[in-house]
Amino acid sequence: MTDTPPPAPFCPPWGELGKYAVSNEAFWNIGPEAEAILIAHGCCLEMQQDAQHHDYWLVHFPDGTFKREKLPRIHNARHNIYLPAGLKLAEVGTSCGISYLESIIPPAEA
């Protein structure tokens, strides 16, 4: 079974899109290739620092971006983030609230 983006506009049977919409997310370690892909798909990236002076990226997503939890959970929360242009990000969450960008899956060619 493949994980395909739901048809737009996405509205899960258990709630409204607003509950699942994501406007920004904090990520550790975004490489230059991933940065270029995110910017090309309408994201804005800012370098930030936490209280312990560790650098992280704050990614601002375009309107219409939403996330869906991947189950089952093992040790960390895992999500797929869907951008309106069809790009899918795989994210692994940490207990401190900052996530790792696990992979970027480009939109399927029609």
N, C-alpha and C. Protein backbone atom coordinates (compact mmCIF):
# COMPACT_ATOMS: atom_id res chain seq x y z
N MET A 1 0.84 -1.18 0.00
CA MET A 1 0.00 0.00 0.00
C MET A 1 0.89 1.24 0.00
N THR A 2 0.66 2.14 -0.93
CA THR A 2 1.47 3.35 -1.01
C THR A 2 0.80 4.49 -0.26
N ASP A 3 1.62 5.40 0.22
CA ASP A 3 1.10 6.57 0.92
C ASP A 3 1.02 7.72 -0.08
N THR A 4 -0.16 7.96 -0.58
CA THR A 4 -0.36 9.02 -1.57
C THR A 4 -1.01 10.21 -0.92
N PRO A 5 -0.71 11.42 -1.40
CA PRO A 5 -1.36 12.59 -0.82
C PRO A 5 -2.86 12.54 -1.09
N PRO A 6 -3.65 12.94 -0.12
CA PRO A 6 -5.09 12.93 -0.32
C PRO A 6 -5.50 13.99 -1.34
N PRO A 7 -6.68 13.83 -1.94
CA PRO A 7 -7.12 14.82 -2.92
C PRO A 7 -7.35 16.17 -2.25
N ALA A 8 -7.09 17.24 -2.99
CA ALA A 8 -7.31 18.59 -2.45
C ALA A 8 -8.74 19.01 -2.77
N PRO A 9 -9.43 19.75 -1.92
CA PRO A 9 -8.98 20.09 -0.59
C PRO A 9 -9.13 18.91 0.36
N PHE A 10 -8.15 18.71 1.22
CA PHE A 10 -8.15 17.59 2.15
C PHE A 10 -9.05 17.89 3.34
N CYS A 11 -9.95 17.02 3.63
CA CYS A 11 -10.80 17.17 4.81
C CYS A 11 -11.02 15.77 5.39
N PRO A 12 -10.29 15.42 6.46
CA PRO A 12 -10.44 14.09 7.02
C PRO A 12 -11.84 13.89 7.58
N PRO A 13 -12.31 12.68 7.64
CA PRO A 13 -13.67 12.43 8.11
C PRO A 13 -13.88 12.78 9.57
N TRP A 14 -12.80 12.93 10.34
CA TRP A 14 -12.94 13.18 11.77
C TRP A 14 -12.74 14.64 12.15
N GLY A 15 -12.57 15.55 11.20
CA GLY A 15 -12.38 16.95 11.57
C GLY A 15 -12.12 17.83 10.37
N GLU A 16 -11.87 19.07 10.66
CA GLU A 16 -11.63 20.07 9.63
C GLU A 16 -10.13 20.20 9.35
N LEU A 17 -9.79 20.77 8.20
CA LEU A 17 -8.40 20.96 7.80
C LEU A 17 -7.65 21.82 8.81
N GLY A 18 -8.31 22.82 9.39
CA GLY A 18 -7.64 23.73 10.33
C GLY A 18 -6.96 23.01 11.47
N LYS A 19 -7.52 21.90 11.91
CA LYS A 19 -6.94 21.14 13.00
C LYS A 19 -5.62 20.50 12.59
N TYR A 20 -5.43 20.21 11.33
CA TYR A 20 -4.25 19.50 10.84
C TYR A 20 -3.30 20.40 10.06
N ALA A 21 -3.70 21.65 9.86
CA ALA A 21 -2.86 22.58 9.10
C ALA A 21 -1.60 22.90 9.89
N VAL A 22 -0.52 23.13 9.19
CA VAL A 22 0.74 23.50 9.83
C VAL A 22 1.30 24.72 9.11
N SER A 23 1.65 25.76 9.88
CA SER A 23 2.18 26.98 9.27
C SER A 23 3.70 27.05 9.40
N ASN A 24 4.25 26.50 10.49
CA ASN A 24 5.71 26.44 10.60
C ASN A 24 6.12 25.26 11.46
N GLU A 25 7.37 24.89 11.35
CA GLU A 25 7.90 23.72 12.06
C GLU A 25 9.39 23.94 12.25
N ALA A 26 9.92 23.47 13.39
CA ALA A 26 11.35 23.60 13.69
C ALA A 26 12.05 22.29 13.37
N PHE A 27 13.16 22.37 12.65
CA PHE A 27 13.93 21.20 12.25
C PHE A 27 15.41 21.39 12.57
N TRP A 28 16.07 20.33 13.03
CA TRP A 28 17.53 20.30 13.12
C TRP A 28 18.07 19.96 11.75
N ASN A 29 19.23 20.47 11.42
CA ASN A 29 20.05 20.01 10.30
C ASN A 29 19.31 19.87 8.97
N ILE A 30 19.05 20.96 8.32
CA ILE A 30 18.54 20.92 6.94
C ILE A 30 19.72 21.22 6.03
N GLY A 31 20.04 20.28 5.16
CA GLY A 31 21.17 20.44 4.25
C GLY A 31 20.87 21.40 3.11
N PRO A 32 21.90 21.82 2.38
CA PRO A 32 21.71 22.78 1.29
C PRO A 32 20.78 22.28 0.19
N GLU A 33 20.83 20.97 -0.11
CA GLU A 33 19.95 20.44 -1.15
C GLU A 33 18.49 20.51 -0.70
N ALA A 34 18.24 20.11 0.55
CA ALA A 34 16.88 20.17 1.08
C ALA A 34 16.39 21.61 1.18
N GLU A 35 17.29 22.51 1.56
CA GLU A 35 16.94 23.93 1.65
C GLU A 35 16.48 24.46 0.29
N ALA A 36 17.20 24.13 -0.76
CA ALA A 36 16.84 24.59 -2.10
C ALA A 36 15.49 24.03 -2.54
N ILE A 37 15.23 22.76 -2.23
CA ILE A 37 13.94 22.15 -2.60
C ILE A 37 12.79 22.82 -1.85
N LEU A 38 12.97 23.05 -0.55
CA LEU A 38 11.91 23.69 0.23
C LEU A 38 11.62 25.10 -0.26
N ILE A 39 12.65 25.87 -0.55
CA ILE A 39 12.46 27.24 -1.05
C ILE A 39 11.76 27.22 -2.40
N ALA A 40 12.12 26.28 -3.26
CA ALA A 40 11.48 26.17 -4.58
C ALA A 40 9.99 25.82 -4.47
N HIS A 41 9.58 25.21 -3.36
CA HIS A 41 8.18 24.85 -3.16
C HIS A 41 7.43 25.84 -2.26
N GLY A 42 7.97 27.04 -2.10
CA GLY A 42 7.24 28.11 -1.41
C GLY A 42 7.49 28.25 0.07
N CYS A 43 8.49 27.55 0.61
CA CYS A 43 8.79 27.65 2.04
C CYS A 43 9.80 28.77 2.28
N CYS A 44 9.77 29.31 3.49
CA CYS A 44 10.74 30.31 3.92
C CYS A 44 11.47 29.73 5.13
N LEU A 45 12.81 29.78 5.13
CA LEU A 45 13.60 29.19 6.20
C LEU A 45 14.34 30.26 6.98
N GLU A 46 14.34 30.13 8.30
CA GLU A 46 15.07 31.04 9.18
C GLU A 46 15.94 30.23 10.13
N MET A 47 17.19 30.65 10.31
CA MET A 47 18.06 30.02 11.29
C MET A 47 17.73 30.64 12.65
N GLN A 48 17.52 29.79 13.66
CA GLN A 48 17.18 30.22 15.02
C GLN A 48 18.14 29.57 16.01
N GLN A 49 18.11 30.01 17.28
CA GLN A 49 18.87 29.38 18.34
C GLN A 49 17.96 29.12 19.52
N ASP A 50 18.14 27.95 20.16
CA ASP A 50 17.36 27.66 21.37
C ASP A 50 18.09 28.25 22.59
N ALA A 51 17.55 28.00 23.78
CA ALA A 51 18.11 28.56 25.01
C ALA A 51 19.54 28.09 25.28
N GLN A 52 19.90 26.92 24.78
CA GLN A 52 21.25 26.39 24.97
C GLN A 52 22.18 26.76 23.81
N HIS A 53 21.74 27.70 22.97
CA HIS A 53 22.53 28.20 21.84
C HIS A 53 22.79 27.15 20.77
N HIS A 54 21.86 26.22 20.59
CA HIS A 54 21.93 25.26 19.49
C HIS A 54 21.16 25.84 18.30
N ASP A 55 21.76 25.76 17.13
CA ASP A 55 21.11 26.27 15.92
C ASP A 55 20.06 25.27 15.42
N TYR A 56 18.97 25.79 14.91
CA TYR A 56 17.96 24.98 14.24
C TYR A 56 17.28 25.84 13.19
N TRP A 57 16.58 25.18 12.27
CA TRP A 57 15.85 25.86 11.19
C TRP A 57 14.39 25.97 11.57
N LEU A 58 13.81 27.15 11.39
CA LEU A 58 12.37 27.34 11.50
C LEU A 58 11.86 27.48 10.08
N VAL A 59 11.03 26.53 9.66
CA VAL A 59 10.51 26.51 8.30
C VAL A 59 9.08 27.02 8.31
N HIS A 60 8.81 28.05 7.51
CA HIS A 60 7.46 28.59 7.34
C HIS A 60 6.89 28.00 6.06
N PHE A 61 5.79 27.27 6.19
CA PHE A 61 5.18 26.58 5.05
C PHE A 61 4.12 27.45 4.39
N PRO A 62 3.85 27.23 3.09
CA PRO A 62 2.78 27.97 2.41
C PRO A 62 1.41 27.54 2.93
N ASP A 63 0.42 28.40 2.72
CA ASP A 63 -0.96 28.07 3.12
C ASP A 63 -1.40 26.78 2.44
N GLY A 64 -2.15 25.97 3.16
CA GLY A 64 -2.63 24.71 2.62
C GLY A 64 -1.76 23.53 2.99
N THR A 65 -0.66 23.76 3.71
CA THR A 65 0.22 22.66 4.16
C THR A 65 -0.42 22.00 5.37
N PHE A 66 -0.37 20.67 5.42
CA PHE A 66 -0.93 19.96 6.58
C PHE A 66 -0.06 18.76 6.90
N LYS A 67 -0.25 18.22 8.10
CA LYS A 67 0.54 17.06 8.51
C LYS A 67 -0.38 15.96 8.98
N ARG A 68 0.12 14.74 8.81
CA ARG A 68 -0.63 13.53 9.18
C ARG A 68 0.33 12.62 9.94
N GLU A 69 -0.12 12.12 11.09
CA GLU A 69 0.74 11.24 11.89
C GLU A 69 0.86 9.88 11.24
N LYS A 70 2.09 9.33 11.29
CA LYS A 70 2.34 7.98 10.78
C LYS A 70 2.27 7.02 11.96
N LEU A 71 1.48 6.02 11.84
CA LEU A 71 1.33 5.03 12.90
C LEU A 71 1.84 3.69 12.40
N PRO A 72 2.26 2.78 13.21
CA PRO A 72 2.32 2.91 14.66
C PRO A 72 3.55 3.69 15.10
N ARG A 73 3.45 4.31 16.27
CA ARG A 73 4.59 4.99 16.86
C ARG A 73 5.55 3.94 17.41
N ILE A 74 6.81 4.19 17.27
CA ILE A 74 7.80 3.31 17.86
C ILE A 74 8.33 3.99 19.13
N HIS A 75 9.27 4.90 19.00
CA HIS A 75 9.79 5.65 20.14
C HIS A 75 9.50 7.14 20.01
N ASN A 76 9.46 7.64 18.80
CA ASN A 76 9.24 9.06 18.54
C ASN A 76 8.01 9.24 17.67
N ALA A 77 7.41 10.42 17.77
CA ALA A 77 6.30 10.75 16.88
C ALA A 77 6.85 10.92 15.46
N ARG A 78 6.12 10.42 14.49
CA ARG A 78 6.52 10.53 13.09
C ARG A 78 5.33 11.09 12.32
N HIS A 79 5.60 12.02 11.41
CA HIS A 79 4.55 12.64 10.61
C HIS A 79 4.98 12.74 9.15
N ASN A 80 4.00 12.80 8.28
CA ASN A 80 4.20 13.24 6.90
C ASN A 80 3.63 14.64 6.81
N ILE A 81 4.37 15.54 6.19
CA ILE A 81 3.91 16.91 5.97
C ILE A 81 3.70 17.07 4.48
N TYR A 82 2.49 17.46 4.09
CA TYR A 82 2.12 17.59 2.68
C TYR A 82 2.03 19.07 2.30
N LEU A 83 2.82 19.49 1.32
CA LEU A 83 2.75 20.86 0.82
C LEU A 83 1.76 20.91 -0.33
N PRO A 84 1.14 22.08 -0.57
CA PRO A 84 0.13 22.18 -1.63
C PRO A 84 0.65 21.79 -3.01
N ALA A 85 1.94 21.97 -3.28
CA ALA A 85 2.49 21.64 -4.60
C ALA A 85 2.71 20.15 -4.79
N GLY A 86 2.40 19.33 -3.76
CA GLY A 86 2.53 17.89 -3.89
C GLY A 86 3.76 17.30 -3.23
N LEU A 87 4.66 18.14 -2.73
CA LEU A 87 5.85 17.67 -2.05
C LEU A 87 5.47 17.07 -0.70
N LYS A 88 6.12 15.97 -0.33
CA LYS A 88 5.85 15.33 0.96
C LYS A 88 7.15 15.25 1.75
N LEU A 89 7.09 15.66 3.03
CA LEU A 89 8.24 15.59 3.92
C LEU A 89 7.97 14.53 4.97
N ALA A 90 8.96 13.73 5.27
CA ALA A 90 8.86 12.76 6.37
C ALA A 90 9.62 13.35 7.55
N GLU A 91 8.94 13.46 8.70
CA GLU A 91 9.48 14.12 9.88
C GLU A 91 9.48 13.15 11.06
N VAL A 92 10.53 13.19 11.86
CA VAL A 92 10.60 12.43 13.11
C VAL A 92 10.71 13.43 14.23
N GLY A 93 9.76 13.40 15.18
CA GLY A 93 9.74 14.36 16.27
C GLY A 93 10.54 13.90 17.48
N THR A 94 11.11 14.87 18.19
CA THR A 94 11.85 14.58 19.41
C THR A 94 11.03 15.03 20.61
N SER A 95 11.44 14.62 21.80
CA SER A 95 10.71 14.99 23.01
C SER A 95 10.85 16.48 23.34
N CYS A 96 11.88 17.15 22.79
CA CYS A 96 12.06 18.58 23.07
C CYS A 96 11.29 19.47 22.10
N GLY A 97 10.55 18.88 21.17
CA GLY A 97 9.71 19.67 20.28
C GLY A 97 10.35 20.08 18.98
N ILE A 98 11.59 19.73 18.75
CA ILE A 98 12.25 20.02 17.48
C ILE A 98 12.44 18.71 16.75
N SER A 99 12.17 18.71 15.46
CA SER A 99 12.13 17.49 14.68
C SER A 99 13.31 17.38 13.73
N TYR A 100 13.49 16.19 13.21
CA TYR A 100 14.46 15.93 12.15
C TYR A 100 13.70 15.74 10.85
N LEU A 101 14.21 16.34 9.79
CA LEU A 101 13.66 16.12 8.46
C LEU A 101 14.27 14.83 7.94
N GLU A 102 13.48 13.77 7.97
CA GLU A 102 13.98 12.44 7.61
C GLU A 102 14.19 12.29 6.11
N SER A 103 13.22 12.75 5.33
CA SER A 103 13.35 12.65 3.87
C SER A 103 12.37 13.59 3.19
N ILE A 104 12.66 13.88 1.92
CA ILE A 104 11.78 14.68 1.07
C ILE A 104 11.37 13.81 -0.09
N ILE A 105 10.06 13.65 -0.28
CA ILE A 105 9.55 12.82 -1.38
C ILE A 105 8.93 13.75 -2.41
N PRO A 106 9.50 13.82 -3.62
CA PRO A 106 8.96 14.73 -4.64
C PRO A 106 7.59 14.30 -5.12
N PRO A 107 6.82 15.22 -5.70
CA PRO A 107 5.51 14.87 -6.22
C PRO A 107 5.62 13.82 -7.31
N ALA A 108 4.63 12.94 -7.37
CA ALA A 108 4.61 11.89 -8.39
C ALA A 108 4.37 12.52 -9.75
N GLU A 109 5.10 12.05 -10.74
CA GLU A 109 4.92 12.53 -12.11
C GLU A 109 3.65 11.92 -12.68
N ALA A 110 2.85 12.76 -13.33
CA ALA A 110 1.60 12.28 -13.91
C ALA A 110 1.80 11.68 -15.27
